[in-house]
Structures are given as C-alpha cells and as structure tokens.
Amino acid sequence: METGFRQEVLNVMLAQILARHGVISAPEIILKAKPGMKRRMPDVLVSFLGLRLVIEGEVEDAPKAEVRALNSARQRVEEGLAHIGVAVVYPAFLRKIEKFDQVQMELEDCQLRVAIVDESGETGFSPANAEQLPEMLNNTFDKLLQEDVVNRAAAILDEAVEKVAPAFAAIPGFAQEAARILGIRALPIRKKPAKGEEEE
C-alpha cells in the first residue's frame, strides 16, 4: 500500500525546483481528466523555451515504474498535449519522508531516473539529478530546433522545385542538358531473355 507523498505531488515539486532554477515557467497549467476517462490525478504542464513540457513520474517501488512513466510521457506527446514529455522515476525513500520541506530538499539532490520523449523519438532512462535535468532538456530543445530548421529548408526547396518544374519542362532539351551537367546517365536497356535463356 502506498504511503507518503504521491508521485503527482513529486511531479509538482520537481517542476517548482526547475522553475526556481529558471529552466521552466512556474507550473500553472494543469491537465485534468476528460469526461468519461478513468479518474486520475492532474498532470503538470509547463512552458519550456516556448514549448509545452509535461512531467510524468512514478515511484520506483510501484510495479513497472519505468514502463508506466514512459508510456504516460509518450502518450502526452502523441496526443499533441506536449512537445516534450519527461518520464521520471523517483527513489522510494521519498515516500517515507513526512515533511513537505524535507522532501523538496531531498528532491533537489537525489538521483532520479529520467527519459525524455519528443516528437521525433525518445531516450532511454538515465540517472540524473535536478541540476543535470536542465542540460538534458536543453539538448532536446537543440535537437528539435535543428530538425525544425532542416524540415523548413526542405519544405522551401520542395515548393521552389514545384513552382519552376513546369517552366523547365517547357524548355526543349532542358532535361537532357541538366542530366549531362549533373552527370546523370540513363540506365541501360535490359534485353528480355528469350525462352530457355537465363537473365543476365
């Protein structure tokens, strides 16, 4: 039977710690269960460098803690509720602490297991404390930023090609000259083997 603070309270505490370090905005937005859904405690949704970030945690003494935390974080990203999901597994000893202030102090320094989920994939769990978590989040942000730049450049290139393709197609001999300049050669025509002959 669970005793002490629930993981949802620990999620809020962790968000408050990150906010104090200036990593995220204060956790003001709470996601509540939709009508008809199984009743659950609210999730913590915060702003991180203009992106929505959700914290989903489990305590390590709960069955399949890593799987549950990661599945919840993944679901929030897949639903489009968050750009980044942080799956956290808290050490079990935090449950045994009765004082709120003491839990916050321990949470500042204790070793967590953390996995990050974003729109392009997810990391495995790795050990991290509250001081190391910002670096993990910044690395995720940089990766998303780079992917966004590449995607936008590809979209611009595709649009440009679509616009000029009809004009180039109307120029006699353009395709052949472009192929010559680019070193593109036509594939050799393969002869169809006669009956009884093996194909080369």
N, C-alpha and C. Protein backbone atom coordinates (compact mmCIF):
# COMPACT_ATOMS: atom_id res chain seq x y z
N MET A 1 0.84 -1.21 0.00
CA MET A 1 0.00 0.00 0.00
C MET A 1 0.87 1.25 0.00
N GLU A 2 0.51 2.23 -0.87
CA GLU A 2 1.29 3.46 -0.98
C GLU A 2 1.14 4.32 0.26
N THR A 3 2.28 4.85 0.73
CA THR A 3 2.25 5.78 1.85
C THR A 3 3.05 7.00 1.46
N GLY A 4 2.93 8.09 2.23
CA GLY A 4 3.69 9.29 1.92
C GLY A 4 3.13 10.04 0.73
N PHE A 5 3.97 10.88 0.14
CA PHE A 5 3.53 11.72 -0.98
C PHE A 5 3.37 10.91 -2.26
N ARG A 6 2.29 11.20 -2.99
CA ARG A 6 2.04 10.54 -4.27
C ARG A 6 2.98 11.11 -5.33
N GLN A 7 3.14 10.37 -6.44
CA GLN A 7 4.05 10.81 -7.48
C GLN A 7 3.60 12.12 -8.13
N GLU A 8 2.29 12.37 -8.14
CA GLU A 8 1.81 13.63 -8.72
C GLU A 8 2.30 14.84 -7.93
N VAL A 9 2.38 14.67 -6.60
CA VAL A 9 2.91 15.75 -5.75
C VAL A 9 4.41 15.92 -6.02
N LEU A 10 5.11 14.81 -6.20
CA LEU A 10 6.54 14.88 -6.50
C LEU A 10 6.77 15.56 -7.86
N ASN A 11 5.86 15.31 -8.82
CA ASN A 11 5.97 15.98 -10.12
C ASN A 11 5.89 17.50 -9.97
N VAL A 12 4.96 17.95 -9.14
CA VAL A 12 4.79 19.39 -8.91
C VAL A 12 6.03 19.95 -8.23
N MET A 13 6.54 19.22 -7.23
CA MET A 13 7.76 19.67 -6.54
C MET A 13 8.93 19.79 -7.51
N LEU A 14 9.09 18.79 -8.39
CA LEU A 14 10.18 18.83 -9.36
C LEU A 14 10.03 20.02 -10.29
N ALA A 15 8.79 20.29 -10.72
CA ALA A 15 8.54 21.45 -11.58
C ALA A 15 8.89 22.75 -10.87
N GLN A 16 8.56 22.82 -9.58
CA GLN A 16 8.89 24.02 -8.81
C GLN A 16 10.40 24.21 -8.68
N ILE A 17 11.13 23.10 -8.53
CA ILE A 17 12.58 23.18 -8.46
C ILE A 17 13.15 23.69 -9.78
N LEU A 18 12.66 23.15 -10.90
CA LEU A 18 13.12 23.59 -12.22
C LEU A 18 12.77 25.06 -12.46
N ALA A 19 11.62 25.47 -11.95
CA ALA A 19 11.21 26.88 -12.10
C ALA A 19 12.14 27.79 -11.31
N ARG A 20 12.53 27.35 -10.12
CA ARG A 20 13.45 28.16 -9.31
C ARG A 20 14.82 28.30 -9.97
N HIS A 21 15.20 27.27 -10.72
CA HIS A 21 16.47 27.32 -11.45
C HIS A 21 16.34 28.08 -12.77
N GLY A 22 15.14 28.58 -13.06
CA GLY A 22 14.93 29.36 -14.27
C GLY A 22 14.84 28.55 -15.54
N VAL A 23 14.63 27.23 -15.41
CA VAL A 23 14.58 26.35 -16.58
C VAL A 23 13.21 26.42 -17.25
N ILE A 24 12.17 26.44 -16.45
CA ILE A 24 10.79 26.45 -16.97
C ILE A 24 10.02 27.57 -16.30
N SER A 25 8.85 27.86 -16.85
CA SER A 25 7.96 28.81 -16.18
C SER A 25 7.30 28.10 -15.00
N ALA A 26 6.74 28.86 -14.08
CA ALA A 26 6.06 28.26 -12.93
C ALA A 26 4.96 27.33 -13.41
N PRO A 27 4.81 26.16 -12.79
CA PRO A 27 3.80 25.20 -13.23
C PRO A 27 2.39 25.68 -12.93
N GLU A 28 1.81 26.40 -13.87
CA GLU A 28 0.49 26.98 -13.65
C GLU A 28 -0.62 26.18 -14.34
N ILE A 29 -0.27 25.46 -15.41
CA ILE A 29 -1.29 24.78 -16.21
C ILE A 29 -1.41 23.33 -15.74
N ILE A 30 -2.61 22.93 -15.46
CA ILE A 30 -2.86 21.57 -15.01
C ILE A 30 -3.83 20.89 -15.98
N LEU A 31 -3.48 19.69 -16.42
CA LEU A 31 -4.37 18.93 -17.29
C LEU A 31 -5.26 18.05 -16.42
N LYS A 32 -6.55 18.15 -16.63
CA LYS A 32 -7.48 17.33 -15.85
C LYS A 32 -8.03 16.21 -16.72
N ALA A 33 -8.51 15.18 -16.08
CA ALA A 33 -9.07 14.05 -16.82
C ALA A 33 -10.29 14.49 -17.62
N LYS A 34 -10.41 13.95 -18.84
CA LYS A 34 -11.56 14.28 -19.68
C LYS A 34 -12.77 13.50 -19.20
N PRO A 35 -13.98 13.99 -19.51
CA PRO A 35 -15.19 13.26 -19.12
C PRO A 35 -15.18 11.86 -19.73
N GLY A 36 -15.54 10.89 -18.93
CA GLY A 36 -15.59 9.51 -19.41
C GLY A 36 -14.29 8.77 -19.25
N MET A 37 -13.18 9.49 -19.01
CA MET A 37 -11.89 8.84 -18.81
C MET A 37 -11.77 8.35 -17.37
N LYS A 38 -10.90 7.36 -17.20
CA LYS A 38 -10.63 6.87 -15.85
C LYS A 38 -10.09 8.02 -15.00
N ARG A 39 -10.61 8.15 -13.79
CA ARG A 39 -10.21 9.26 -12.92
C ARG A 39 -8.73 9.13 -12.59
N ARG A 40 -8.01 10.25 -12.72
CA ARG A 40 -6.60 10.27 -12.38
C ARG A 40 -6.24 11.64 -11.87
N MET A 41 -5.12 11.71 -11.18
CA MET A 41 -4.65 12.99 -10.66
C MET A 41 -4.22 13.86 -11.84
N PRO A 42 -4.27 15.19 -11.68
CA PRO A 42 -3.85 16.07 -12.77
C PRO A 42 -2.37 15.92 -13.10
N ASP A 43 -2.01 16.28 -14.34
CA ASP A 43 -0.63 16.29 -14.77
C ASP A 43 -0.08 17.71 -14.70
N VAL A 44 1.24 17.80 -14.60
CA VAL A 44 1.89 19.10 -14.59
C VAL A 44 2.34 19.44 -16.00
N LEU A 45 1.84 20.54 -16.54
CA LEU A 45 2.21 21.00 -17.88
C LEU A 45 2.81 22.39 -17.73
N VAL A 46 4.05 22.55 -18.22
CA VAL A 46 4.76 23.81 -18.04
C VAL A 46 5.29 24.30 -19.38
N SER A 47 5.80 25.53 -19.39
CA SER A 47 6.40 26.09 -20.59
C SER A 47 7.91 26.02 -20.48
N PHE A 48 8.54 25.47 -21.52
CA PHE A 48 9.99 25.36 -21.58
C PHE A 48 10.48 25.94 -22.90
N LEU A 49 11.06 27.14 -22.86
CA LEU A 49 11.57 27.82 -24.06
C LEU A 49 10.52 27.91 -25.15
N GLY A 50 9.28 28.17 -24.74
CA GLY A 50 8.19 28.31 -25.68
C GLY A 50 7.50 27.01 -26.08
N LEU A 51 7.99 25.89 -25.58
CA LEU A 51 7.39 24.59 -25.87
C LEU A 51 6.62 24.09 -24.65
N ARG A 52 5.61 23.25 -24.88
CA ARG A 52 4.87 22.65 -23.78
C ARG A 52 5.61 21.39 -23.31
N LEU A 53 5.81 21.32 -22.01
CA LEU A 53 6.54 20.19 -21.42
C LEU A 53 5.70 19.59 -20.31
N VAL A 54 5.53 18.28 -20.32
CA VAL A 54 4.76 17.61 -19.28
C VAL A 54 5.67 16.69 -18.48
N ILE A 55 5.46 16.64 -17.18
CA ILE A 55 6.24 15.77 -16.30
C ILE A 55 5.35 14.61 -15.86
N GLU A 56 5.79 13.40 -16.15
CA GLU A 56 5.06 12.18 -15.77
C GLU A 56 5.99 11.33 -14.91
N GLY A 57 5.64 11.13 -13.67
CA GLY A 57 6.52 10.40 -12.77
C GLY A 57 5.88 9.18 -12.12
N GLU A 58 6.73 8.28 -11.69
CA GLU A 58 6.33 7.12 -10.89
C GLU A 58 7.39 6.93 -9.82
N VAL A 59 7.02 6.30 -8.72
CA VAL A 59 7.98 5.97 -7.67
C VAL A 59 8.48 4.56 -7.92
N GLU A 60 9.77 4.33 -7.70
CA GLU A 60 10.40 3.07 -8.11
C GLU A 60 9.82 1.83 -7.44
N ASP A 61 9.11 2.00 -6.31
CA ASP A 61 8.54 0.82 -5.67
C ASP A 61 7.19 0.43 -6.26
N ALA A 62 6.72 1.20 -7.25
CA ALA A 62 5.48 0.85 -7.94
C ALA A 62 5.80 -0.18 -9.04
N PRO A 63 4.88 -1.11 -9.32
CA PRO A 63 5.13 -2.10 -10.37
C PRO A 63 5.35 -1.43 -11.73
N LYS A 64 6.38 -1.88 -12.45
CA LYS A 64 6.70 -1.39 -13.80
C LYS A 64 6.77 0.14 -13.85
N ALA A 65 7.47 0.71 -12.88
CA ALA A 65 7.52 2.18 -12.75
C ALA A 65 8.05 2.85 -14.01
N GLU A 66 9.15 2.32 -14.57
CA GLU A 66 9.73 2.93 -15.77
C GLU A 66 8.79 2.85 -16.95
N VAL A 67 8.18 1.69 -17.13
CA VAL A 67 7.26 1.50 -18.26
C VAL A 67 6.08 2.44 -18.16
N ARG A 68 5.51 2.55 -16.98
CA ARG A 68 4.33 3.40 -16.78
C ARG A 68 4.66 4.87 -16.99
N ALA A 69 5.79 5.32 -16.44
CA ALA A 69 6.17 6.72 -16.59
C ALA A 69 6.44 7.05 -18.06
N LEU A 70 7.16 6.17 -18.74
CA LEU A 70 7.49 6.41 -20.15
C LEU A 70 6.26 6.36 -21.03
N ASN A 71 5.36 5.42 -20.78
CA ASN A 71 4.12 5.33 -21.56
C ASN A 71 3.27 6.59 -21.39
N SER A 72 3.20 7.11 -20.16
CA SER A 72 2.40 8.31 -19.91
C SER A 72 3.00 9.52 -20.63
N ALA A 73 4.34 9.66 -20.56
CA ALA A 73 5.00 10.77 -21.23
C ALA A 73 4.83 10.66 -22.74
N ARG A 74 4.98 9.44 -23.26
CA ARG A 74 4.82 9.20 -24.70
C ARG A 74 3.40 9.54 -25.16
N GLN A 75 2.41 9.14 -24.35
CA GLN A 75 1.01 9.39 -24.69
C GLN A 75 0.72 10.89 -24.77
N ARG A 76 1.25 11.66 -23.84
CA ARG A 76 1.02 13.11 -23.84
C ARG A 76 1.59 13.76 -25.10
N VAL A 77 2.74 13.28 -25.55
CA VAL A 77 3.34 13.83 -26.77
C VAL A 77 2.53 13.38 -27.99
N GLU A 78 2.15 12.11 -28.03
CA GLU A 78 1.37 11.59 -29.16
C GLU A 78 0.01 12.27 -29.27
N GLU A 79 -0.58 12.63 -28.12
CA GLU A 79 -1.87 13.32 -28.12
C GLU A 79 -1.74 14.78 -28.56
N GLY A 80 -0.51 15.28 -28.64
CA GLY A 80 -0.29 16.67 -29.01
C GLY A 80 -0.46 17.64 -27.86
N LEU A 81 -0.57 17.11 -26.65
CA LEU A 81 -0.72 17.98 -25.48
C LEU A 81 0.61 18.59 -25.06
N ALA A 82 1.71 17.94 -25.42
CA ALA A 82 3.03 18.46 -25.07
C ALA A 82 4.00 18.19 -26.21
N HIS A 83 4.98 19.09 -26.36
CA HIS A 83 6.06 18.86 -27.32
C HIS A 83 7.12 17.92 -26.73
N ILE A 84 7.29 18.02 -25.41
CA ILE A 84 8.30 17.22 -24.72
C ILE A 84 7.66 16.57 -23.50
N GLY A 85 7.90 15.28 -23.34
CA GLY A 85 7.44 14.56 -22.16
C GLY A 85 8.64 14.10 -21.35
N VAL A 86 8.61 14.37 -20.06
CA VAL A 86 9.70 13.95 -19.16
C VAL A 86 9.18 12.82 -18.29
N ALA A 87 9.73 11.63 -18.49
CA ALA A 87 9.36 10.47 -17.66
C ALA A 87 10.38 10.38 -16.53
N VAL A 88 9.88 10.38 -15.30
CA VAL A 88 10.76 10.39 -14.13
C VAL A 88 10.40 9.23 -13.21
N VAL A 89 11.42 8.53 -12.72
CA VAL A 89 11.21 7.52 -11.67
C VAL A 89 11.91 8.03 -10.42
N TYR A 90 11.11 8.25 -9.37
CA TYR A 90 11.62 8.80 -8.11
C TYR A 90 12.08 7.67 -7.18
N PRO A 91 13.12 7.91 -6.38
CA PRO A 91 13.55 6.88 -5.42
C PRO A 91 12.49 6.65 -4.35
N ALA A 92 12.38 5.41 -3.91
CA ALA A 92 11.31 5.02 -2.98
C ALA A 92 11.43 5.70 -1.62
N PHE A 93 12.65 6.07 -1.22
CA PHE A 93 12.80 6.63 0.13
C PHE A 93 12.04 7.96 0.29
N LEU A 94 11.73 8.62 -0.83
CA LEU A 94 10.99 9.89 -0.74
C LEU A 94 9.60 9.69 -0.14
N ARG A 95 9.05 8.49 -0.32
CA ARG A 95 7.71 8.20 0.23
C ARG A 95 7.72 8.19 1.76
N LYS A 96 8.87 7.87 2.33
CA LYS A 96 8.94 7.70 3.79
C LYS A 96 9.11 9.02 4.52
N ILE A 97 9.38 10.09 3.77
CA ILE A 97 9.57 11.40 4.40
C ILE A 97 8.20 12.06 4.60
N GLU A 98 7.94 12.52 5.77
CA GLU A 98 6.61 13.06 6.09
C GLU A 98 6.51 14.57 5.91
N LYS A 99 7.64 15.27 6.03
CA LYS A 99 7.59 16.73 5.95
C LYS A 99 7.80 17.20 4.51
N PHE A 100 6.92 18.09 4.09
CA PHE A 100 6.94 18.61 2.72
C PHE A 100 8.28 19.27 2.40
N ASP A 101 8.76 20.14 3.29
CA ASP A 101 10.01 20.87 3.06
C ASP A 101 11.20 19.93 2.93
N GLN A 102 11.18 18.86 3.71
CA GLN A 102 12.29 17.91 3.67
C GLN A 102 12.30 17.15 2.36
N VAL A 103 11.11 16.80 1.88
CA VAL A 103 11.02 16.11 0.58
C VAL A 103 11.60 16.99 -0.52
N GLN A 104 11.26 18.28 -0.51
CA GLN A 104 11.78 19.20 -1.51
C GLN A 104 13.31 19.27 -1.46
N MET A 105 13.86 19.30 -0.25
CA MET A 105 15.32 19.35 -0.10
C MET A 105 15.97 18.09 -0.65
N GLU A 106 15.39 16.94 -0.34
CA GLU A 106 15.93 15.67 -0.82
C GLU A 106 15.81 15.57 -2.35
N LEU A 107 14.70 16.07 -2.88
CA LEU A 107 14.46 16.01 -4.32
C LEU A 107 15.46 16.86 -5.09
N GLU A 108 15.97 17.90 -4.47
CA GLU A 108 16.99 18.76 -5.10
C GLU A 108 18.25 17.97 -5.40
N ASP A 109 18.60 17.02 -4.52
CA ASP A 109 19.91 16.37 -4.61
C ASP A 109 19.87 14.90 -5.00
N CYS A 110 18.74 14.25 -4.84
CA CYS A 110 18.70 12.80 -5.04
C CYS A 110 18.82 12.41 -6.51
N GLN A 111 19.21 11.17 -6.72
CA GLN A 111 19.37 10.64 -8.08
C GLN A 111 18.02 10.14 -8.59
N LEU A 112 17.61 10.65 -9.73
CA LEU A 112 16.38 10.22 -10.38
C LEU A 112 16.74 9.37 -11.60
N ARG A 113 15.76 8.68 -12.15
CA ARG A 113 15.95 8.04 -13.45
C ARG A 113 15.02 8.77 -14.42
N VAL A 114 15.59 9.29 -15.50
CA VAL A 114 14.86 10.20 -16.38
C VAL A 114 14.96 9.75 -17.83
N ALA A 115 13.85 9.81 -18.54
CA ALA A 115 13.82 9.60 -20.00
C ALA A 115 13.05 10.76 -20.62
N ILE A 116 13.48 11.18 -21.79
CA ILE A 116 12.86 12.31 -22.48
C ILE A 116 12.18 11.81 -23.75
N VAL A 117 10.94 12.24 -23.94
CA VAL A 117 10.18 11.91 -25.15
C VAL A 117 9.89 13.21 -25.89
N ASP A 118 10.15 13.22 -27.20
CA ASP A 118 9.74 14.37 -28.01
C ASP A 118 9.09 13.88 -29.28
N GLU A 119 8.77 14.80 -30.18
CA GLU A 119 8.00 14.45 -31.37
C GLU A 119 8.79 13.61 -32.36
N SER A 120 10.12 13.51 -32.17
CA SER A 120 10.93 12.74 -33.11
C SER A 120 11.45 11.43 -32.51
N GLY A 121 11.19 11.18 -31.25
CA GLY A 121 11.67 9.95 -30.64
C GLY A 121 11.78 10.07 -29.13
N GLU A 122 12.56 9.17 -28.55
CA GLU A 122 12.71 9.17 -27.09
C GLU A 122 14.06 8.61 -26.70
N THR A 123 14.51 8.99 -25.51
CA THR A 123 15.76 8.46 -24.99
C THR A 123 15.43 7.31 -24.05
N GLY A 124 16.42 6.54 -23.70
CA GLY A 124 16.25 5.56 -22.64
C GLY A 124 16.40 6.26 -21.30
N PHE A 125 16.16 5.52 -20.24
CA PHE A 125 16.32 6.09 -18.90
C PHE A 125 17.79 6.22 -18.56
N SER A 126 18.13 7.33 -17.94
CA SER A 126 19.50 7.54 -17.46
C SER A 126 19.43 8.27 -16.12
N PRO A 127 20.45 8.08 -15.27
CA PRO A 127 20.44 8.74 -13.96
C PRO A 127 20.68 10.24 -14.11
N ALA A 128 19.97 11.03 -13.34
CA ALA A 128 20.13 12.49 -13.37
C ALA A 128 19.55 13.07 -12.09
N ASN A 129 20.13 14.17 -11.64
CA ASN A 129 19.54 14.90 -10.53
C ASN A 129 18.94 16.20 -11.05
N ALA A 130 18.42 17.01 -10.17
CA ALA A 130 17.74 18.24 -10.59
C ALA A 130 18.68 19.20 -11.30
N GLU A 131 19.98 19.14 -10.99
CA GLU A 131 20.94 20.02 -11.63
C GLU A 131 21.29 19.55 -13.04
N GLN A 132 21.23 18.24 -13.28
CA GLN A 132 21.59 17.69 -14.58
C GLN A 132 20.41 17.70 -15.56
N LEU A 133 19.19 17.74 -15.03
CA LEU A 133 17.99 17.71 -15.88
C LEU A 133 17.93 18.87 -16.87
N PRO A 134 18.29 20.11 -16.48
CA PRO A 134 18.25 21.20 -17.45
C PRO A 134 19.10 20.94 -18.70
N GLU A 135 20.28 20.33 -18.52
CA GLU A 135 21.14 20.04 -19.67
C GLU A 135 20.46 19.04 -20.61
N MET A 136 19.79 18.04 -20.05
CA MET A 136 19.07 17.06 -20.86
C MET A 136 17.97 17.75 -21.67
N LEU A 137 17.25 18.67 -21.01
CA LEU A 137 16.17 19.38 -21.68
C LEU A 137 16.71 20.32 -22.76
N ASN A 138 17.83 20.99 -22.48
CA ASN A 138 18.42 21.88 -23.47
C ASN A 138 18.91 21.11 -24.69
N ASN A 139 19.47 19.91 -24.48
CA ASN A 139 19.89 19.07 -25.60
C ASN A 139 18.70 18.67 -26.46
N THR A 140 17.59 18.36 -25.80
CA THR A 140 16.36 18.01 -26.54
C THR A 140 15.87 19.20 -27.34
N PHE A 141 15.89 20.39 -26.73
CA PHE A 141 15.46 21.60 -27.42
C PHE A 141 16.33 21.86 -28.64
N ASP A 142 17.65 21.74 -28.50
CA ASP A 142 18.57 21.97 -29.62
C ASP A 142 18.29 21.00 -30.76
N LYS A 143 18.02 19.73 -30.41
CA LYS A 143 17.73 18.73 -31.43
C LYS A 143 16.45 19.07 -32.18
N LEU A 144 15.40 19.45 -31.43
CA LEU A 144 14.14 19.82 -32.07
C LEU A 144 14.31 21.05 -32.95
N LEU A 145 15.12 22.00 -32.50
CA LEU A 145 15.36 23.22 -33.27
C LEU A 145 16.06 22.90 -34.58
N GLN A 146 17.09 22.04 -34.52
CA GLN A 146 17.82 21.67 -35.73
C GLN A 146 16.91 20.92 -36.70
N GLU A 147 16.09 20.02 -36.19
CA GLU A 147 15.19 19.26 -37.05
C GLU A 147 14.17 20.19 -37.70
N ASP A 148 13.71 21.20 -36.94
CA ASP A 148 12.74 22.15 -37.47
C ASP A 148 13.37 22.97 -38.59
N VAL A 149 14.63 23.39 -38.42
CA VAL A 149 15.31 24.16 -39.46
C VAL A 149 15.46 23.32 -40.72
N VAL A 150 15.85 22.07 -40.57
CA VAL A 150 16.02 21.18 -41.72
C VAL A 150 14.68 20.96 -42.42
N ASN A 151 13.62 20.73 -41.64
CA ASN A 151 12.30 20.50 -42.23
C ASN A 151 11.80 21.72 -42.99
N ARG A 152 12.04 22.92 -42.41
CA ARG A 152 11.59 24.14 -43.09
C ARG A 152 12.38 24.36 -44.39
N ALA A 153 13.69 24.08 -44.35
CA ALA A 153 14.52 24.23 -45.55
C ALA A 153 14.06 23.26 -46.64
N ALA A 154 13.74 22.02 -46.24
CA ALA A 154 13.26 21.03 -47.21
C ALA A 154 11.93 21.45 -47.81
N ALA A 155 11.05 22.02 -46.97
CA ALA A 155 9.74 22.47 -47.45
C ALA A 155 9.89 23.61 -48.45
N ILE A 156 10.81 24.55 -48.17
CA ILE A 156 11.05 25.67 -49.08
C ILE A 156 11.60 25.16 -50.41
N LEU A 157 12.53 24.20 -50.34
CA LEU A 157 13.12 23.63 -51.55
C LEU A 157 12.07 22.91 -52.38
N ASP A 158 11.23 22.12 -51.72
CA ASP A 158 10.15 21.41 -52.43
C ASP A 158 9.22 22.38 -53.13
N GLU A 159 8.86 23.45 -52.42
CA GLU A 159 7.95 24.45 -53.00
C GLU A 159 8.58 25.12 -54.21
N ALA A 160 9.87 25.43 -54.12
CA ALA A 160 10.56 26.08 -55.23
C ALA A 160 10.63 25.16 -56.44
N VAL A 161 10.93 23.89 -56.19
CA VAL A 161 11.01 22.92 -57.30
C VAL A 161 9.65 22.78 -57.98
N GLU A 162 8.58 22.72 -57.19
CA GLU A 162 7.24 22.58 -57.77
C GLU A 162 6.88 23.78 -58.63
N LYS A 163 7.33 24.97 -58.23
CA LYS A 163 7.00 26.19 -58.98
C LYS A 163 7.74 26.26 -60.31
N VAL A 164 9.03 25.87 -60.31
CA VAL A 164 9.83 26.03 -61.53
C VAL A 164 9.78 24.82 -62.45
N ALA A 165 9.36 23.67 -61.94
CA ALA A 165 9.35 22.45 -62.75
C ALA A 165 8.56 22.61 -64.06
N PRO A 166 7.34 23.19 -64.04
CA PRO A 166 6.60 23.34 -65.32
C PRO A 166 7.35 24.24 -66.32
N ALA A 167 8.01 25.28 -65.81
CA ALA A 167 8.74 26.18 -66.72
C ALA A 167 9.92 25.46 -67.35
N PHE A 168 10.66 24.69 -66.55
CA PHE A 168 11.80 23.95 -67.09
C PHE A 168 11.36 22.87 -68.07
N ALA A 169 10.22 22.24 -67.77
CA ALA A 169 9.72 21.18 -68.64
C ALA A 169 9.36 21.72 -70.02
N ALA A 170 9.01 23.00 -70.11
CA ALA A 170 8.62 23.60 -71.39
C ALA A 170 9.82 23.97 -72.26
N ILE A 171 11.02 23.98 -71.71
CA ILE A 171 12.23 24.33 -72.46
C ILE A 171 12.74 23.08 -73.18
N PRO A 172 12.81 23.13 -74.53
CA PRO A 172 13.27 21.94 -75.28
C PRO A 172 14.70 21.55 -74.89
N GLY A 173 14.90 20.29 -74.60
CA GLY A 173 16.22 19.77 -74.31
C GLY A 173 16.75 20.08 -72.92
N PHE A 174 15.91 20.71 -72.07
CA PHE A 174 16.39 21.10 -70.73
C PHE A 174 16.75 19.88 -69.89
N ALA A 175 15.88 18.87 -69.90
CA ALA A 175 16.11 17.68 -69.06
C ALA A 175 17.42 17.00 -69.45
N GLN A 176 17.69 16.87 -70.75
CA GLN A 176 18.90 16.21 -71.21
C GLN A 176 20.15 17.01 -70.81
N GLU A 177 20.08 18.36 -70.97
CA GLU A 177 21.23 19.20 -70.63
C GLU A 177 21.48 19.19 -69.12
N ALA A 178 20.39 19.24 -68.32
CA ALA A 178 20.54 19.20 -66.87
C ALA A 178 21.14 17.87 -66.43
N ALA A 179 20.70 16.77 -67.06
CA ALA A 179 21.25 15.45 -66.73
C ALA A 179 22.73 15.38 -67.07
N ARG A 180 23.13 15.99 -68.22
CA ARG A 180 24.54 15.97 -68.62
C ARG A 180 25.40 16.73 -67.61
N ILE A 181 24.91 17.93 -67.18
CA ILE A 181 25.66 18.75 -66.22
C ILE A 181 25.80 18.05 -64.88
N LEU A 182 24.73 17.38 -64.46
CA LEU A 182 24.74 16.69 -63.16
C LEU A 182 25.38 15.31 -63.22
N GLY A 183 25.74 14.87 -64.43
CA GLY A 183 26.38 13.56 -64.56
C GLY A 183 25.41 12.41 -64.41
N ILE A 184 24.16 12.66 -64.74
CA ILE A 184 23.13 11.60 -64.63
C ILE A 184 23.02 10.90 -65.97
N ARG A 185 23.15 9.59 -65.97
CA ARG A 185 23.06 8.81 -67.21
C ARG A 185 21.83 7.93 -67.18
N ALA A 186 21.32 7.71 -68.34
CA ALA A 186 20.16 6.81 -68.45
C ALA A 186 20.59 5.39 -68.17
N LEU A 187 19.75 4.62 -67.53
CA LEU A 187 20.04 3.22 -67.26
C LEU A 187 20.04 2.44 -68.57
N PRO A 188 20.96 1.51 -68.73
CA PRO A 188 20.97 0.72 -69.98
C PRO A 188 19.70 -0.11 -70.11
N ILE A 189 19.25 -0.23 -71.34
CA ILE A 189 18.03 -1.03 -71.59
C ILE A 189 18.39 -2.50 -71.49
N ARG A 190 17.70 -3.19 -70.66
CA ARG A 190 17.97 -4.62 -70.47
C ARG A 190 17.13 -5.43 -71.45
N LYS A 191 17.81 -6.31 -72.17
CA LYS A 191 17.10 -7.15 -73.14
C LYS A 191 16.34 -8.24 -72.40
N LYS A 192 15.14 -8.47 -72.88
CA LYS A 192 14.34 -9.53 -72.29
C LYS A 192 14.87 -10.87 -72.80
N PRO A 193 15.22 -11.78 -71.88
CA PRO A 193 15.80 -13.07 -72.35
C PRO A 193 14.78 -13.89 -73.13
N ALA A 194 15.29 -14.57 -74.14
CA ALA A 194 14.44 -15.47 -74.92
C ALA A 194 14.12 -16.68 -74.07
N LYS A 195 13.11 -17.41 -74.50
CA LYS A 195 12.71 -18.60 -73.75
C LYS A 195 13.86 -19.58 -73.65
N GLY A 196 14.10 -20.05 -72.45
CA GLY A 196 15.18 -21.02 -72.22
C GLY A 196 16.50 -20.37 -71.86
N GLU A 197 16.64 -19.03 -72.09
CA GLU A 197 17.87 -18.35 -71.73
C GLU A 197 17.75 -17.78 -70.32
N GLU A 198 18.91 -17.73 -69.64
CA GLU A 198 18.93 -17.15 -68.30
C GLU A 198 19.13 -15.65 -68.39
N GLU A 199 18.46 -14.92 -67.50
CA GLU A 199 18.61 -13.47 -67.48
C GLU A 199 19.95 -13.10 -66.91
N GLU A 200 20.67 -12.13 -67.59
CA GLU A 200 21.98 -11.70 -67.15
C GLU A 200 21.89 -10.88 -65.88
